[in-house]
Amino acid sequence: MIEKLEQIEARYNELEAAMAAAADDYEQVARLAREQAELRDLVLTYRRFRQVEADLQAARELAESETDPDFAALAAAEARELEVERERLTQELRRLLLPRDPRDSRDVIVEIRAGTGGEEAALFAADLYRMITRYAERRNWKTTLLSSHESDTGGFKEVIFEVRGEGAYSRLKYESGVHRVQRVPVTESQGRIHTSTATVAVLPEADEVEVAIAPEDLRIDVFRAGGPGGQNVQKNAAAVRITHLPTGLVVQCQDERSLQQNRQRALAILRARLYDMEMERQQAALSAERRAQVGSAERSEKIRTYNFPQNRVTDHRIGLSVYNLPEVLDGDLDVFIDELAAAEQAARLQATTAEP
């Protein structure tokens, strides 16, 4: 393990020197910085481990050579504390050495769509949009609305937005799936509880070099954009609809007044969807054990229920329920994400120790 850690630290130092040498090449620096960020926690933990090892050796030597019994006892006590810390860091290094999802450090594009439940589902989609953007605010991430299709009651039939920040995908990937709400709709006069759903897809953003899109594979349609009820109708044709002919994927953007901005955003969404399709194709070849892991982000499965009458939110993947629904919808998601990440890591550790 130590040899591998030394190689990783050497690579970390190489990346630092390479970024300094390529200071004027923004794309190159961004690529190198992304790789270095993926190694940072591991390298810093290893450096801490080395320091603890050195301190432990010094404490042991002092305990053995010190003639004053009191000083010897103090050195021995320090050595015992350092042994505990070394064991903790050893376990942490083993965890950090687990193969990481290469997408974890990426920014993401989040797509939320109303499911079953009509207008109530659209209102729930708006709740989920606010929940995730509030979570992003708590982590000082930047969100940008890319596209939206509002319902008549102020909800969203579909909303697509970008989240930029360190480790965005590593945290938000656990939100992918079907979310279910149980509550009395505002349109329900008899007070009956309805069940509605909305789907969330969290797509890691892809660079242009990773997903090459040939111009001849695109059909681009330009039209006038307008809000619900005919509001905010553009006089100029600024909305863009892009169809990727080989796959049939269709992306539409109309929230910006600039045709070029809408086109760039539509291409970013299309690139992310194509990248996600390729990743899912690759993952389909993995073993059943890997696919069954917590955090696989299967979007066809119901992952969480928000029960308003009971003030309860339940994550079905780990069987965790909390009774602070308003706080969760205000972006307090770490209680779920932390447990999901821990469960995924435990499953991966178990899988690696079980391998022959």
Protein backbone atom coordinates (compact mmCIF):
# COMPACT_ATOMS: atom_id res chain seq x y z
CA MET A 1 0.00 0.00 0.00
CA ILE A 2 2.81 2.41 0.87
CA GLU A 3 4.42 1.99 -2.54
CA LYS A 4 1.15 2.81 -4.24
CA LEU A 5 0.66 5.85 -2.02
CA GLU A 6 4.13 7.13 -2.86
CA GLN A 7 3.37 6.81 -6.57
CA ILE A 8 0.13 8.74 -6.12
CA GLU A 9 1.91 11.51 -4.20
CA ALA A 10 4.54 11.74 -6.95
CA ARG A 11 1.77 12.10 -9.53
CA TYR A 12 0.14 14.81 -7.38
CA ASN A 13 3.41 16.77 -7.36
CA GLU A 14 3.80 16.29 -11.13
CA LEU A 15 0.34 17.75 -11.69
CA GLU A 16 1.19 20.77 -9.56
CA ALA A 17 4.31 21.45 -11.65
CA ALA A 18 2.41 20.85 -14.91
CA MET A 19 -0.29 23.39 -13.94
CA ALA A 20 2.36 26.01 -13.25
CA ALA A 21 3.97 25.34 -16.64
CA ALA A 22 0.64 25.52 -18.50
CA ALA A 23 -0.70 28.61 -16.75
CA ASP A 24 -1.80 30.25 -20.02
CA ASP A 25 -3.70 27.20 -21.30
CA TYR A 26 -7.02 27.39 -19.43
CA GLU A 27 -8.40 24.08 -20.70
CA GLN A 28 -5.19 22.23 -19.90
CA VAL A 29 -5.00 23.74 -16.41
CA ALA A 30 -8.66 22.85 -15.79
CA ARG A 31 -8.04 19.23 -16.80
CA LEU A 32 -4.93 18.97 -14.62
CA ALA A 33 -6.68 20.66 -11.68
CA ARG A 34 -9.54 18.18 -11.92
CA GLU A 35 -7.16 15.24 -11.75
CA GLN A 36 -5.24 16.78 -8.85
CA ALA A 37 -8.45 17.47 -6.94
CA GLU A 38 -9.34 13.79 -7.19
CA LEU A 39 -6.03 12.92 -5.47
CA ARG A 40 -5.98 15.70 -2.87
CA ASP A 41 -7.74 13.97 0.04
CA LEU A 42 -5.66 10.84 -0.43
CA VAL A 43 -2.35 12.69 -0.60
CA LEU A 44 -3.10 14.91 2.40
CA THR A 45 -4.18 11.88 4.45
CA TYR A 46 -1.01 10.03 3.46
CA ARG A 47 1.12 12.99 4.49
CA ARG A 48 -0.66 13.07 7.83
CA PHE A 49 -0.07 9.30 8.15
CA ARG A 50 3.67 9.77 7.55
CA GLN A 51 3.84 12.50 10.17
CA VAL A 52 2.04 10.31 12.70
CA GLU A 53 4.43 7.44 11.90
CA ALA A 54 7.42 9.71 12.58
CA ASP A 55 5.91 11.07 15.78
CA LEU A 56 5.09 7.54 16.94
CA GLN A 57 8.67 6.38 16.36
CA ALA A 58 10.01 9.39 18.29
CA ALA A 59 7.61 8.80 21.18
CA ARG A 60 8.55 5.13 21.43
CA GLU A 61 12.25 5.93 21.43
CA LEU A 62 11.75 8.58 24.11
CA ALA A 63 9.71 6.19 26.27
CA GLU A 64 12.49 3.61 26.07
CA SER A 65 15.43 5.97 26.63
CA GLU A 66 13.98 8.42 29.17
CA THR A 67 15.34 7.86 32.68
CA ASP A 68 12.74 10.03 34.39
CA PRO A 69 9.72 7.74 35.07
CA ASP A 70 7.21 10.58 34.70
CA PHE A 71 8.55 11.68 31.30
CA ALA A 72 8.75 8.04 30.19
CA ALA A 73 5.12 7.50 31.17
CA LEU A 74 4.07 10.64 29.26
CA ALA A 75 5.94 9.46 26.16
CA ALA A 76 4.36 6.01 26.43
CA ALA A 77 0.88 7.55 26.72
CA GLU A 78 1.54 9.71 23.67
CA ALA A 79 2.71 6.63 21.77
CA ARG A 80 -0.56 4.82 22.57
CA GLU A 81 -2.60 7.79 21.30
CA LEU A 82 -0.52 7.92 18.12
CA GLU A 83 -1.03 4.18 17.56
CA VAL A 84 -4.79 4.72 17.63
CA GLU A 85 -4.46 7.64 15.20
CA ARG A 86 -2.24 5.59 12.90
CA GLU A 87 -4.83 2.80 12.79
CA ARG A 88 -7.58 5.30 12.00
CA LEU A 89 -5.52 6.83 9.19
CA THR A 90 -4.69 3.35 7.85
CA GLN A 91 -8.40 2.55 7.53
CA GLU A 92 -9.04 5.95 5.96
CA LEU A 93 -6.29 5.35 3.40
CA ARG A 94 -7.78 1.97 2.51
CA ARG A 95 -11.13 3.65 1.94
CA LEU A 96 -9.61 6.42 -0.15
CA LEU A 97 -7.70 3.91 -2.25
CA LEU A 98 -10.95 2.35 -3.42
CA PRO A 99 -11.46 3.04 -7.15
CA ARG A 100 -13.41 6.28 -7.45
CA ASP A 101 -16.13 7.05 -9.89
CA PRO A 102 -14.20 9.23 -12.37
CA ARG A 103 -17.27 11.44 -12.67
CA ASP A 104 -17.42 12.38 -8.96
CA SER A 105 -15.57 15.69 -9.31
CA ARG A 106 -17.64 16.88 -12.27
CA ASP A 107 -20.25 19.59 -12.43
CA VAL A 108 -23.72 18.30 -13.20
CA ILE A 109 -26.86 18.96 -15.17
CA VAL A 110 -30.01 18.09 -13.22
CA GLU A 111 -33.26 17.29 -15.03
CA ILE A 112 -36.50 17.16 -13.03
CA ARG A 113 -39.75 16.05 -14.66
CA ALA A 114 -43.26 15.79 -13.27
CA GLY A 115 -44.48 12.20 -13.22
CA THR A 116 -47.88 10.80 -12.27
CA GLY A 117 -50.26 13.18 -10.54
CA GLY A 118 -50.99 15.98 -13.01
CA GLU A 119 -50.67 19.51 -11.62
CA GLU A 120 -49.73 18.18 -8.19
CA ALA A 121 -46.77 16.35 -9.73
CA ALA A 122 -45.68 19.59 -11.41
CA LEU A 123 -45.84 21.42 -8.06
CA PHE A 124 -43.80 18.62 -6.48
CA ALA A 125 -41.23 18.95 -9.27
CA ALA A 126 -40.93 22.63 -8.31
CA ASP A 127 -40.41 21.59 -4.67
CA LEU A 128 -37.59 19.25 -5.70
CA TYR A 129 -36.03 21.99 -7.82
CA ARG A 130 -35.98 24.31 -4.82
CA MET A 131 -34.70 21.52 -2.54
CA ILE A 132 -31.68 20.77 -4.71
CA THR A 133 -30.85 24.41 -5.44
CA ARG A 134 -31.06 25.19 -1.70
CA TYR A 135 -28.71 22.28 -1.03
CA ALA A 136 -26.32 23.72 -3.61
CA GLU A 137 -26.47 27.10 -1.84
CA ARG A 138 -25.53 25.44 1.46
CA ARG A 139 -22.39 24.06 -0.20
CA ASN A 140 -21.58 27.33 -2.01
CA TRP A 141 -22.19 25.80 -5.42
CA LYS A 142 -23.45 27.86 -8.34
CA THR A 143 -26.73 26.95 -10.05
CA THR A 144 -27.88 28.14 -13.46
CA LEU A 145 -31.33 27.53 -14.93
CA LEU A 146 -30.94 26.06 -18.41
CA SER A 147 -34.48 25.25 -19.48
CA SER A 148 -37.94 25.11 -17.93
CA HIS A 149 -41.51 24.27 -18.89
CA GLU A 150 -43.92 25.69 -16.33
CA SER A 151 -47.37 24.34 -15.55
CA ASP A 152 -50.52 26.45 -15.24
CA THR A 153 -50.33 26.47 -11.42
CA GLY A 154 -46.68 27.58 -11.18
CA GLY A 155 -45.07 24.17 -11.00
CA PHE A 156 -42.73 22.59 -13.52
CA LYS A 157 -43.58 19.98 -16.09
CA GLU A 158 -39.82 19.96 -16.70
CA VAL A 159 -36.91 21.98 -15.35
CA ILE A 160 -33.24 21.57 -16.26
CA PHE A 161 -30.44 23.36 -14.45
CA GLU A 162 -26.70 23.25 -14.01
CA VAL A 163 -24.83 22.89 -10.71
CA ARG A 164 -21.17 23.88 -10.60
CA GLY A 165 -19.01 23.14 -7.57
CA GLU A 166 -16.33 20.85 -6.17
CA GLY A 167 -17.67 17.30 -5.97
CA ALA A 168 -21.15 18.19 -7.22
CA TYR A 169 -21.71 14.83 -8.89
CA SER A 170 -20.28 12.86 -5.94
CA ARG A 171 -23.10 14.22 -3.75
CA LEU A 172 -26.02 14.87 -6.08
CA LYS A 173 -25.82 11.52 -7.90
CA TYR A 174 -27.78 10.01 -4.99
CA GLU A 175 -30.78 12.18 -5.91
CA SER A 176 -31.28 10.36 -9.22
CA GLY A 177 -34.48 8.35 -9.26
CA VAL A 178 -38.20 8.54 -8.69
CA HIS A 179 -39.30 10.77 -5.80
CA ARG A 180 -42.81 10.27 -4.37
CA VAL A 181 -44.93 12.74 -2.41
CA GLN A 182 -48.01 11.99 -0.30
CA ARG A 183 -50.05 15.05 0.65
CA VAL A 184 -53.36 16.88 0.20
CA PRO A 185 -53.07 18.89 -3.04
CA VAL A 186 -53.93 22.58 -2.92
CA THR A 187 -56.56 21.87 -5.58
CA GLU A 188 -58.25 19.15 -3.49
CA SER A 189 -61.39 20.44 -1.80
CA GLN A 190 -62.23 17.28 0.18
CA GLY A 191 -58.87 16.94 1.93
CA ARG A 192 -57.92 13.59 0.45
CA ILE A 193 -54.27 12.56 0.39
CA HIS A 194 -52.89 12.07 -3.11
CA THR A 195 -49.71 10.34 -4.22
CA SER A 196 -47.68 11.97 -6.99
CA THR A 197 -44.22 11.44 -8.38
CA ALA A 198 -41.42 13.29 -10.11
CA THR A 199 -38.21 11.97 -11.63
CA VAL A 200 -34.74 13.39 -11.08
CA ALA A 201 -31.82 12.70 -13.42
CA VAL A 202 -28.35 13.90 -12.40
CA LEU A 203 -25.99 13.93 -15.38
CA PRO A 204 -22.25 14.64 -15.10
CA GLU A 205 -21.19 17.32 -17.54
CA ALA A 206 -18.93 16.22 -20.36
CA ASP A 207 -16.18 18.12 -22.13
CA GLU A 208 -16.39 18.65 -25.87
CA VAL A 209 -13.37 16.39 -26.39
CA GLU A 210 -15.12 13.56 -24.50
CA VAL A 211 -18.32 13.70 -26.52
CA ALA A 212 -17.70 14.65 -30.12
CA ILE A 213 -20.90 15.71 -31.87
CA ALA A 214 -20.71 15.93 -35.65
CA PRO A 215 -22.61 18.92 -37.08
CA GLU A 216 -24.24 16.70 -39.67
CA ASP A 217 -25.77 14.64 -36.84
CA LEU A 218 -27.78 17.62 -35.62
CA ARG A 219 -31.03 19.16 -36.75
CA ILE A 220 -31.41 22.62 -35.24
CA ASP A 221 -34.81 24.32 -35.25
CA VAL A 222 -35.27 27.95 -34.20
CA PHE A 223 -38.60 29.36 -33.04
CA ARG A 224 -40.18 32.01 -30.86
CA ALA A 225 -40.32 31.31 -27.12
CA GLY A 226 -43.12 32.12 -24.72
CA GLY A 227 -44.09 31.54 -21.11
CA PRO A 228 -47.31 30.00 -19.79
CA GLY A 229 -50.45 31.79 -20.86
CA GLY A 230 -48.64 33.61 -23.62
CA GLN A 231 -46.53 35.67 -21.24
CA ASN A 232 -42.97 36.74 -22.00
CA VAL A 233 -43.36 36.00 -25.70
CA GLN A 234 -40.17 36.82 -27.58
CA LYS A 235 -40.44 39.04 -30.63
CA ASN A 236 -37.30 37.46 -32.04
CA ALA A 237 -36.84 33.77 -32.77
CA ALA A 238 -34.56 32.89 -29.85
CA ALA A 239 -35.66 29.41 -28.72
CA VAL A 240 -33.66 26.43 -29.95
CA ARG A 241 -34.60 22.80 -30.43
CA ILE A 242 -31.74 20.41 -31.23
CA THR A 243 -32.37 16.86 -32.42
CA HIS A 244 -29.50 14.38 -32.34
CA LEU A 245 -30.33 12.28 -35.37
CA PRO A 246 -28.37 9.09 -34.53
CA THR A 247 -30.06 8.66 -31.13
CA GLY A 248 -33.27 10.65 -31.52
CA LEU A 249 -32.49 12.73 -28.41
CA VAL A 250 -34.23 16.11 -28.43
CA VAL A 251 -33.16 19.12 -26.35
CA GLN A 252 -34.95 22.44 -26.23
CA CYS A 253 -33.81 25.71 -24.61
CA GLN A 254 -35.72 28.96 -24.55
CA ASP A 255 -35.00 30.68 -21.23
CA GLU A 256 -32.34 33.04 -22.61
CA ARG A 257 -33.04 35.95 -24.95
CA SER A 258 -29.92 35.20 -26.92
CA LEU A 259 -30.15 32.57 -29.62
CA GLN A 260 -26.46 31.75 -29.18
CA GLN A 261 -26.85 31.26 -25.41
CA ASN A 262 -29.81 28.93 -25.88
CA ARG A 263 -27.87 26.99 -28.50
CA GLN A 264 -24.83 26.60 -26.21
CA ARG A 265 -26.98 25.45 -23.31
CA ALA A 266 -28.88 22.98 -25.46
CA LEU A 267 -25.60 21.51 -26.69
CA ALA A 268 -24.33 21.21 -23.10
CA ILE A 269 -27.47 19.29 -22.11
CA LEU A 270 -27.21 17.06 -25.18
CA ARG A 271 -23.54 16.37 -24.49
CA ALA A 272 -24.32 15.39 -20.89
CA ARG A 273 -27.12 13.05 -22.00
CA LEU A 274 -24.93 11.35 -24.58
CA TYR A 275 -22.14 10.95 -22.02
CA ASP A 276 -24.60 9.47 -19.54
CA MET A 277 -25.88 7.03 -22.16
CA GLU A 278 -22.34 5.84 -22.83
CA MET A 279 -21.60 5.46 -19.11
CA GLU A 280 -24.78 3.43 -18.61
CA ARG A 281 -23.86 1.24 -21.56
CA GLN A 282 -20.49 0.54 -19.97
CA GLN A 283 -21.98 -0.07 -16.54
CA ALA A 284 -24.45 -2.55 -17.98
CA ALA A 285 -21.51 -4.87 -18.53
CA LEU A 286 -20.59 -4.90 -14.82
CA SER A 287 -21.41 -7.78 -12.52
CA ALA A 288 -24.78 -8.07 -10.81
CA GLU A 289 -23.10 -7.35 -7.48
CA ARG A 290 -21.80 -4.00 -8.68
CA ARG A 291 -25.16 -3.02 -10.15
CA ALA A 292 -26.89 -3.87 -6.87
CA GLN A 293 -24.77 -1.46 -4.86
CA VAL A 294 -26.39 1.39 -2.98
CA GLY A 295 -25.95 4.56 -4.95
CA SER A 296 -26.26 3.00 -8.37
CA ALA A 297 -28.69 5.83 -9.13
CA GLU A 298 -31.18 3.72 -11.07
CA ARG A 299 -33.69 6.30 -12.21
CA SER A 300 -36.43 3.71 -12.74
CA GLU A 301 -36.63 2.92 -9.00
CA LYS A 302 -38.56 4.80 -6.32
CA ILE A 303 -35.88 6.14 -4.03
CA ARG A 304 -37.61 8.45 -1.55
CA THR A 305 -41.05 9.27 -0.18
CA TYR A 306 -42.10 12.65 1.27
CA ASN A 307 -45.14 12.08 3.52
CA PHE A 308 -46.64 15.42 4.57
CA PRO A 309 -49.30 14.18 7.04
CA GLN A 310 -46.58 12.36 9.04
CA ASN A 311 -43.88 15.02 8.52
CA ARG A 312 -41.73 12.09 7.35
CA VAL A 313 -39.14 11.59 4.61
CA THR A 314 -38.06 8.00 3.93
CA ASP A 315 -35.18 6.91 1.73
CA HIS A 316 -36.04 3.40 0.59
CA ARG A 317 -32.51 2.46 -0.49
CA ILE A 318 -31.18 2.47 3.07
CA GLY A 319 -34.42 2.36 5.06
CA LEU A 320 -33.77 5.71 6.72
CA SER A 321 -36.66 7.91 7.87
CA VAL A 322 -36.45 11.42 9.33
CA TYR A 323 -39.26 13.55 10.70
CA ASN A 324 -38.26 17.03 9.57
CA LEU A 325 -39.83 17.24 6.12
CA PRO A 326 -39.77 21.07 5.82
CA GLU A 327 -36.02 21.13 6.56
CA VAL A 328 -35.35 18.42 3.97
CA LEU A 329 -37.29 20.31 1.31
CA ASP A 330 -35.24 23.38 2.28
CA GLY A 331 -32.07 21.56 1.25
CA ASP A 332 -31.10 19.66 4.41
CA LEU A 333 -30.05 16.54 2.47
CA ASP A 334 -26.72 15.62 4.05
CA VAL A 335 -28.34 13.17 6.49
CA PHE A 336 -29.39 11.04 3.49
CA ILE A 337 -26.39 11.65 1.25
CA ASP A 338 -23.86 10.89 3.98
CA GLU A 339 -25.58 7.58 4.82
CA LEU A 340 -25.91 6.62 1.15
CA ALA A 341 -22.24 7.37 0.50
CA ALA A 342 -21.21 5.37 3.59
CA ALA A 343 -23.36 2.42 2.53
CA GLU A 344 -21.88 2.50 -0.96
CA GLN A 345 -18.32 2.59 0.39
CA ALA A 346 -19.04 -0.27 2.80
CA ALA A 347 -20.41 -2.36 -0.04
CA ARG A 348 -17.36 -1.63 -2.17
CA LEU A 349 -14.96 -2.45 0.67
CA GLN A 350 -16.80 -5.72 1.25
CA ALA A 351 -16.62 -6.52 -2.45
CA THR A 352 -12.86 -5.90 -2.58
CA THR A 353 -12.15 -8.04 0.50
CA ALA A 354 -14.33 -10.84 -0.90
CA GLU A 355 -12.44 -10.94 -4.19
CA PRO A 356 -9.98 -13.87 -4.54
